[in-house]
Each structure stands twice: as structure tokens, then as C-alpha cells.
Protein backbone atom coordinates (compact mmCIF):
# COMPACT_ATOMS: atom_id res chain seq x y z
CA MET A 1 122.30 128.56 95.20
CA ASP A 2 121.46 125.94 97.89
CA CYS A 3 124.77 124.16 98.78
CA ARG A 4 124.41 119.89 98.17
CA SER A 5 126.73 118.99 101.01
CA GLU A 6 125.48 116.60 103.56
CA SER A 7 128.19 117.60 106.31
CA ALA A 8 127.46 120.27 108.99
CA THR A 9 128.28 120.97 112.22
CA THR A 10 126.66 123.02 115.49
CA GLY A 11 128.86 125.78 115.35
CA GLU A 12 128.02 127.50 118.45
CA GLY A 13 125.45 125.61 119.17
CA ARG A 14 122.41 127.72 119.54
CA PHE A 15 119.23 127.51 119.58
CA ARG A 16 115.99 129.42 118.16
CA VAL A 17 113.07 129.93 120.08
CA ASN A 18 109.94 131.60 118.55
CA ALA A 19 106.70 132.31 120.26
CA ASN A 20 103.81 132.46 119.28
CA GLY A 21 100.99 133.00 121.94
CA LYS A 22 101.34 129.78 123.83
CA LEU A 23 103.09 127.76 121.04
CA LEU A 24 106.66 127.71 120.71
CA ASP A 25 108.56 126.76 117.82
CA VAL A 26 112.64 125.95 118.36
CA TRP A 27 115.00 125.26 115.77
CA LEU A 28 118.72 124.22 116.29
CA LEU A 29 120.91 126.46 113.75
CA VAL A 30 123.90 124.28 112.32
CA ARG A 31 126.44 125.67 109.86
CA CYS A 32 127.37 123.66 106.92
CA VAL A 33 131.56 123.36 107.19
CA SER A 34 131.58 123.30 103.44
CA CYS A 35 129.96 126.73 102.58
CA ASN A 36 129.77 127.88 106.15
CA ARG A 37 126.06 128.62 105.47
CA THR A 38 123.35 128.17 108.51
CA SER A 39 120.23 126.49 108.60
CA LYS A 40 117.60 125.52 110.97
CA LEU A 41 116.73 122.39 112.60
CA THR A 42 113.32 121.99 113.65
CA VAL A 43 113.22 120.93 117.42
CA HIS A 44 109.81 121.83 118.28
CA GLU A 45 106.75 122.71 115.97
CA ARG A 46 104.02 124.68 117.34
CA THR A 47 104.23 123.01 120.93
CA SER A 48 102.66 124.25 123.48
CA VAL A 49 104.29 126.00 126.33
CA ARG A 50 102.98 124.04 129.03
CA SER A 51 103.92 120.56 127.17
CA PHE A 52 107.89 121.42 128.00
CA ASP A 53 109.83 120.52 131.25
CA PRO A 54 111.01 124.01 132.47
CA ALA A 55 114.56 122.47 132.60
CA GLU A 56 113.94 122.12 129.11
CA LEU A 57 113.17 125.19 128.14
CA HIS A 58 115.63 126.97 130.14
CA GLY A 59 118.24 124.99 128.38
CA TYR A 60 116.92 126.01 124.92
CA GLY A 61 117.35 129.56 126.23
CA VAL A 62 120.67 129.55 127.35
CA ASN A 63 122.00 127.36 124.57
CA ASP A 64 122.63 124.51 126.66
CA PRO A 65 125.36 122.72 125.24
CA ASP A 66 124.50 119.08 126.59
CA LEU A 67 120.96 119.87 125.35
CA VAL A 68 123.04 120.91 121.82
CA ALA A 69 124.46 117.56 121.80
CA ALA A 70 121.34 115.20 123.07
CA ARG A 71 119.23 116.94 120.13
CA LEU A 72 121.79 116.33 117.70
CA LEU A 73 121.92 112.57 119.03
CA ASP A 74 118.28 112.29 118.98
CA PRO A 75 117.46 109.63 115.60
CA TRP A 76 114.20 111.31 115.69
CA LEU A 77 115.43 114.98 115.01
CA ALA A 78 117.97 113.31 112.43
CA ARG A 79 114.77 111.42 110.45
CA ARG A 80 112.59 114.63 110.92
CA ASN A 81 115.60 117.12 109.38
CA ARG A 82 116.79 114.37 106.85
CA PHE A 83 120.48 114.40 108.36
CA THR A 84 122.77 112.27 109.41
CA LEU A 85 126.25 112.29 111.46
CA ASP A 86 129.70 111.63 109.88
CA TRP A 87 131.37 109.53 112.76
CA THR A 88 134.50 108.73 110.57
CA GLY A 89 137.54 108.81 112.73
CA ALA A 90 135.13 109.76 116.07
CA TRP A 91 136.05 106.80 118.19
CA ARG A 92 138.83 104.52 118.96
CA LEU A 93 139.65 101.35 121.05
CA ASP A 94 143.09 102.13 123.54
CA ILE A 95 144.79 99.23 124.08
CA PRO A 96 147.67 98.62 126.37
CA PRO A 97 150.37 97.15 124.83
CA ALA A 98 150.28 93.16 124.59
CA ARG A 99 151.64 91.11 127.32
CA LEU A 100 152.91 87.52 126.08
CA ASP A 101 152.83 86.22 129.73
CA GLU A 102 149.19 87.15 130.07
CA ALA A 103 146.61 84.52 130.83
CA TRP A 104 143.49 83.98 128.88
CA PRO A 105 140.74 84.95 128.62
CA VAL A 106 141.34 88.66 129.08
CA GLN A 107 138.54 90.84 129.71
CA VAL A 108 137.99 94.23 128.53
CA GLN A 109 135.81 97.54 129.74
CA VAL A 110 134.39 100.04 127.20
CA VAL A 111 133.92 103.42 128.06
CA PHE A 112 132.49 105.87 125.85
CA GLU A 113 133.39 109.81 126.60
CA ASP A 114 130.63 110.77 124.61
CA PRO A 115 127.70 109.02 123.19
CA ILE A 116 129.04 108.21 119.92
CA PRO A 117 126.88 105.44 118.32
CA VAL A 118 129.19 102.25 116.75
CA ARG A 119 128.64 98.14 116.43
CA PRO A 120 130.78 96.44 119.27
CA GLU A 121 132.07 94.27 116.54
CA ARG A 122 133.42 96.66 114.37
CA LEU A 123 134.83 98.59 117.65
CA ILE A 124 136.94 95.35 118.31
CA ALA A 125 137.38 94.34 115.50
CA HIS A 126 139.46 97.55 114.55
CA GLY A 127 140.95 97.96 117.93
CA LEU A 128 142.53 94.37 118.36
CA GLY A 129 143.30 94.12 114.76
CA LEU A 130 140.91 90.72 114.16
CA SER A 131 138.58 89.95 111.00
CA ARG A 132 134.98 90.14 111.94
CA PRO A 133 134.61 86.56 111.84
CA GLU A 134 137.30 86.26 114.47
CA VAL A 135 135.60 88.62 116.52
CA LEU A 136 132.46 86.41 116.72
CA ARG A 137 134.40 83.53 117.25
CA ARG A 138 136.35 84.88 119.93
CA ILE A 139 134.50 87.44 121.40
CA LYS A 140 132.57 86.97 124.70
CA CYS A 141 130.04 90.33 125.07
CA ASP A 142 127.61 91.56 127.44
CA ILE A 143 125.49 93.18 124.53
CA PRO A 144 125.04 91.78 121.24
CA LEU A 145 127.92 92.63 119.09
CA ARG A 146 126.01 93.05 115.62
CA ARG A 147 124.03 95.81 117.62
CA THR A 148 124.93 99.76 117.66
CA THR A 149 125.30 100.87 120.58
CA SER A 150 126.60 104.06 122.31
CA ALA A 151 126.88 102.86 125.93
CA GLY A 152 129.40 101.17 127.50
CA PHE A 153 129.59 97.51 127.53
CA THR A 154 132.10 94.54 129.02
CA PHE A 155 133.83 91.72 126.58
CA THR A 156 135.71 88.81 126.72
CA VAL A 157 138.62 87.62 124.47
CA MET A 158 139.22 84.27 124.39
CA ALA A 159 142.47 82.64 123.44
CA GLY A 160 142.69 81.97 119.43
CA ASP A 161 143.48 78.70 118.09
């Protein structure tokens, strides 16, 4: 009986590479956190060996953890294999204690340790304890607030009314 859970983890993050003549199949092995069953996510299917970057091919062979993370974060791979990643609790905005004498506006730089997709307006609202409309009113950002990003950004908090 197949597990109906939609949550999975990479476990040890291993690739499986299968050669058929000059064509390669590459899968990423994942383990379901609910039933502990291992499944394969298709990374490449019947792809010519010549089309691979040598470093990428080597990464598949040695189960490079950075390559595992890159493939799991690849939206094309997620669509192809019909999976989504659960980002619940994967990010937080660390804020120094508020200083009442601090002059407005306040500039904040956001840096991600890992490329986790998040909407800046959601991160800022949650981190600063503001409503989303208040974020849109008081925050000036170097990227669109309502667009998902996984790259760092800078925003400025304007004084409240």
C-alpha cells in the first residue's frame, strides 16, 4: 500500500545513476518522514553523457550535499516529480532589542543561511509583529515585497504615525 503522505526528507541525500549505453538516468533518493519508505525523484532521464557538466556528473557520483540541496530546491524538479517542500518553521527574522532612542528610519539587511523561499512582506510582518497592510505602508524595500525570494535583501522601516 502506498503512503499518502506528502512530506519527505532527503535522509542521507543520495543519488542513483544508471547508465544505458551513452545515456544516463539520475534519481535522487528521498525517504518519507511518515512511513520511512524510500522513493526516487527523477533528476535526468535518458540524457546523453556529453550533455552533463563534468563537475555535476562527479557531484552525482559522490552524492555532493550541495548538489542534493540544489536539486531539491529546483522548482522544475518539484513540478516534474509532483512534490512540494514544507517550509514551516524554516525561517525567522532575528531582531535586536528595540531601542526607544533610535532614530527613524531604520535600515535592516536580511541574509539567508540557506536559500529558503519566502515573501519579504510575510517575513517582515511576522518578524516585526506588524500587519501586512502596515508592512506595505511603512516598509521600503529594494525588491518587491509581494514576490517570493530566496536571496538576501535590504529594507527600511519608516516611523509609524
